[in-house]
Amino acid sequence: MVEIFKTNVNNKRLAKILLNALHNHFPAFSFNFDLDDCDRILRVQGEDISFAIMRIMRMVQEHSIEICLFEDQQ
């Protein structure tokens, strides 16, 4: 399963800090940023992500980062 989040992360240094923190707290999931995308996408991949969505969002927000689930506009 993959969840996609919109963020306001705007540099690689901050992305790396967040990725390290997320990997430490959620080792069963894979995380990556697409900072070239206009929505500064954070992708999370793993089994049964749904139970951790709110915890992931709270953790990112604790770093003063805006984050929300990406809503498909199709």
N, C-alpha and C. Protein backbone atom coordinates (compact mmCIF):
# COMPACT_ATOMS: atom_id res chain seq x y z
N MET A 1 0.84 -1.18 0.00
CA MET A 1 0.00 0.00 0.00
C MET A 1 0.89 1.25 0.00
N VAL A 2 0.45 2.28 -0.71
CA VAL A 2 1.18 3.54 -0.77
C VAL A 2 0.24 4.68 -0.38
N GLU A 3 0.72 5.56 0.48
CA GLU A 3 0.00 6.79 0.81
C GLU A 3 0.86 7.96 0.35
N ILE A 4 0.21 9.00 -0.14
CA ILE A 4 0.93 10.17 -0.64
C ILE A 4 0.44 11.39 0.13
N PHE A 5 1.41 12.19 0.58
CA PHE A 5 1.12 13.38 1.36
C PHE A 5 1.69 14.61 0.65
N LYS A 6 0.96 15.72 0.73
CA LYS A 6 1.48 17.01 0.28
C LYS A 6 2.17 17.65 1.49
N THR A 7 3.32 18.28 1.26
CA THR A 7 4.04 18.94 2.36
C THR A 7 4.55 20.30 1.87
N ASN A 8 5.17 21.02 2.78
CA ASN A 8 5.85 22.26 2.40
C ASN A 8 7.36 22.16 2.62
N VAL A 9 7.88 20.95 2.61
CA VAL A 9 9.33 20.75 2.74
C VAL A 9 9.99 21.34 1.50
N ASN A 10 10.96 22.24 1.71
CA ASN A 10 11.51 22.94 0.55
C ASN A 10 13.02 22.78 0.37
N ASN A 11 13.64 21.89 1.15
CA ASN A 11 15.07 21.67 0.92
C ASN A 11 15.47 20.24 1.31
N LYS A 12 16.56 19.79 0.70
CA LYS A 12 17.01 18.42 0.89
C LYS A 12 17.46 18.14 2.32
N ARG A 13 18.03 19.13 2.97
CA ARG A 13 18.51 18.95 4.34
C ARG A 13 17.34 18.61 5.28
N LEU A 14 16.27 19.39 5.18
CA LEU A 14 15.09 19.13 6.01
C LEU A 14 14.45 17.80 5.65
N ALA A 15 14.39 17.49 4.37
CA ALA A 15 13.84 16.21 3.93
C ALA A 15 14.62 15.05 4.54
N LYS A 16 15.94 15.16 4.55
CA LYS A 16 16.78 14.10 5.12
C LYS A 16 16.54 13.95 6.63
N ILE A 17 16.41 15.06 7.34
CA ILE A 17 16.12 15.00 8.78
C ILE A 17 14.80 14.28 9.02
N LEU A 18 13.78 14.66 8.25
CA LEU A 18 12.46 14.02 8.41
C LEU A 18 12.51 12.54 8.04
N LEU A 19 13.18 12.21 6.96
CA LEU A 19 13.27 10.81 6.55
C LEU A 19 13.94 9.97 7.63
N ASN A 20 15.01 10.48 8.21
CA ASN A 20 15.69 9.74 9.29
C ASN A 20 14.77 9.53 10.48
N ALA A 21 14.05 10.58 10.87
CA ALA A 21 13.13 10.47 12.01
C ALA A 21 12.00 9.48 11.71
N LEU A 22 11.45 9.57 10.51
CA LEU A 22 10.36 8.66 10.14
C LEU A 22 10.84 7.21 10.07
N HIS A 23 12.00 6.98 9.49
CA HIS A 23 12.54 5.61 9.42
C HIS A 23 12.79 5.05 10.82
N ASN A 24 13.26 5.89 11.75
CA ASN A 24 13.50 5.43 13.12
C ASN A 24 12.22 5.06 13.84
N HIS A 25 11.15 5.80 13.63
CA HIS A 25 9.89 5.55 14.32
C HIS A 25 9.00 4.53 13.62
N PHE A 26 9.17 4.38 12.32
CA PHE A 26 8.33 3.48 11.53
C PHE A 26 9.21 2.62 10.62
N PRO A 27 10.01 1.72 11.19
CA PRO A 27 10.97 0.95 10.39
C PRO A 27 10.33 0.00 9.37
N ALA A 28 9.06 -0.31 9.54
CA ALA A 28 8.40 -1.23 8.61
C ALA A 28 7.98 -0.54 7.31
N PHE A 29 8.06 0.79 7.27
CA PHE A 29 7.63 1.54 6.10
C PHE A 29 8.82 2.12 5.35
N SER A 30 8.60 2.36 4.06
CA SER A 30 9.58 3.02 3.22
C SER A 30 9.09 4.44 2.95
N PHE A 31 9.97 5.42 3.08
CA PHE A 31 9.63 6.83 2.91
C PHE A 31 10.52 7.47 1.85
N ASN A 32 9.95 8.39 1.05
CA ASN A 32 10.78 9.21 0.18
C ASN A 32 10.04 10.50 -0.17
N PHE A 33 10.83 11.53 -0.45
CA PHE A 33 10.30 12.83 -0.86
C PHE A 33 10.53 13.04 -2.34
N ASP A 34 9.60 13.74 -2.97
CA ASP A 34 9.78 14.25 -4.32
C ASP A 34 9.71 15.77 -4.22
N LEU A 35 10.86 16.40 -4.01
CA LEU A 35 10.90 17.85 -3.83
C LEU A 35 10.79 18.59 -5.15
N ASP A 36 10.92 17.88 -6.27
CA ASP A 36 10.75 18.51 -7.58
C ASP A 36 9.28 18.71 -7.93
N ASP A 37 8.41 17.95 -7.28
CA ASP A 37 6.98 18.08 -7.50
C ASP A 37 6.49 19.36 -6.81
N CYS A 38 5.55 20.05 -7.41
CA CYS A 38 5.06 21.31 -6.83
C CYS A 38 4.39 21.10 -5.48
N ASP A 39 3.94 19.87 -5.18
CA ASP A 39 3.30 19.57 -3.90
C ASP A 39 4.26 19.01 -2.87
N ARG A 40 5.57 18.95 -3.20
CA ARG A 40 6.59 18.46 -2.26
C ARG A 40 6.13 17.14 -1.62
N ILE A 41 5.92 16.16 -2.47
CA ILE A 41 5.30 14.89 -2.10
C ILE A 41 6.17 14.06 -1.14
N LEU A 42 5.50 13.52 -0.13
CA LEU A 42 6.09 12.48 0.74
C LEU A 42 5.32 11.20 0.44
N ARG A 43 6.04 10.18 0.00
CA ARG A 43 5.43 8.87 -0.27
C ARG A 43 5.80 7.92 0.86
N VAL A 44 4.79 7.16 1.28
CA VAL A 44 4.99 6.17 2.32
C VAL A 44 4.48 4.85 1.78
N GLN A 45 5.33 3.82 1.85
CA GLN A 45 4.95 2.52 1.33
C GLN A 45 5.15 1.47 2.41
N GLY A 46 4.20 0.54 2.49
CA GLY A 46 4.30 -0.55 3.45
C GLY A 46 2.96 -1.23 3.62
N GLU A 47 2.97 -2.26 4.41
CA GLU A 47 1.74 -2.99 4.70
C GLU A 47 0.94 -2.26 5.77
N ASP A 48 -0.35 -2.15 5.57
CA ASP A 48 -1.29 -1.59 6.56
C ASP A 48 -0.86 -0.22 7.09
N ILE A 49 -0.65 0.70 6.18
CA ILE A 49 -0.25 2.06 6.54
C ILE A 49 -1.37 2.81 7.24
N SER A 50 -2.61 2.45 6.95
CA SER A 50 -3.75 3.23 7.42
C SER A 50 -3.73 3.48 8.93
N PHE A 51 -3.24 2.52 9.71
CA PHE A 51 -3.22 2.71 11.17
C PHE A 51 -2.20 3.75 11.60
N ALA A 52 -1.24 4.09 10.75
CA ALA A 52 -0.16 5.00 11.14
C ALA A 52 -0.26 6.39 10.51
N ILE A 53 -1.25 6.62 9.67
CA ILE A 53 -1.34 7.90 8.94
C ILE A 53 -1.32 9.09 9.89
N MET A 54 -2.17 9.07 10.90
CA MET A 54 -2.25 10.21 11.81
C MET A 54 -0.97 10.38 12.62
N ARG A 55 -0.33 9.28 13.00
CA ARG A 55 0.93 9.36 13.74
C ARG A 55 2.04 9.95 12.87
N ILE A 56 2.07 9.55 11.61
CA ILE A 56 3.06 10.10 10.67
C ILE A 56 2.84 11.60 10.50
N MET A 57 1.60 12.00 10.32
CA MET A 57 1.29 13.42 10.13
C MET A 57 1.66 14.23 11.37
N ARG A 58 1.35 13.71 12.54
CA ARG A 58 1.69 14.42 13.78
C ARG A 58 3.20 14.58 13.93
N MET A 59 3.94 13.53 13.61
CA MET A 59 5.38 13.58 13.74
C MET A 59 5.98 14.63 12.81
N VAL A 60 5.50 14.69 11.58
CA VAL A 60 5.98 15.68 10.62
C VAL A 60 5.60 17.09 11.10
N GLN A 61 4.39 17.25 11.60
CA GLN A 61 3.94 18.56 12.10
C GLN A 61 4.77 19.02 13.29
N GLU A 62 5.28 18.10 14.08
CA GLU A 62 6.14 18.46 15.21
C GLU A 62 7.43 19.12 14.75
N HIS A 63 7.78 18.95 13.49
CA HIS A 63 8.95 19.61 12.90
C HIS A 63 8.55 20.91 12.19
N SER A 64 7.37 21.41 12.53
CA SER A 64 6.83 22.66 11.95
C SER A 64 6.64 22.57 10.44
N ILE A 65 6.25 21.41 9.96
CA ILE A 65 6.01 21.17 8.55
C ILE A 65 4.52 20.96 8.33
N GLU A 66 3.99 21.59 7.28
CA GLU A 66 2.60 21.37 6.89
C GLU A 66 2.52 20.06 6.12
N ILE A 67 1.49 19.28 6.43
CA ILE A 67 1.31 17.99 5.75
C ILE A 67 -0.17 17.66 5.69
N CYS A 68 -0.59 17.10 4.55
CA CYS A 68 -1.96 16.61 4.44
C CYS A 68 -1.96 15.47 3.42
N LEU A 69 -2.96 14.60 3.53
CA LEU A 69 -3.08 13.52 2.57
C LEU A 69 -3.36 14.11 1.20
N PHE A 70 -2.69 13.58 0.20
CA PHE A 70 -2.90 14.02 -1.17
C PHE A 70 -4.20 13.43 -1.66
N GLU A 71 -5.10 14.28 -2.13
CA GLU A 71 -6.39 13.83 -2.63
C GLU A 71 -6.31 13.77 -4.14
N ASP A 72 -6.61 12.63 -4.70
CA ASP A 72 -6.59 12.44 -6.15
C ASP A 72 -7.64 13.35 -6.79
N GLN A 73 -7.25 14.14 -7.76
CA GLN A 73 -8.12 15.11 -8.39
C GLN A 73 -8.76 14.60 -9.67
N GLN A 74 -8.79 13.29 -9.90
CA GLN A 74 -9.34 12.75 -11.14
C GLN A 74 -10.83 12.86 -11.18
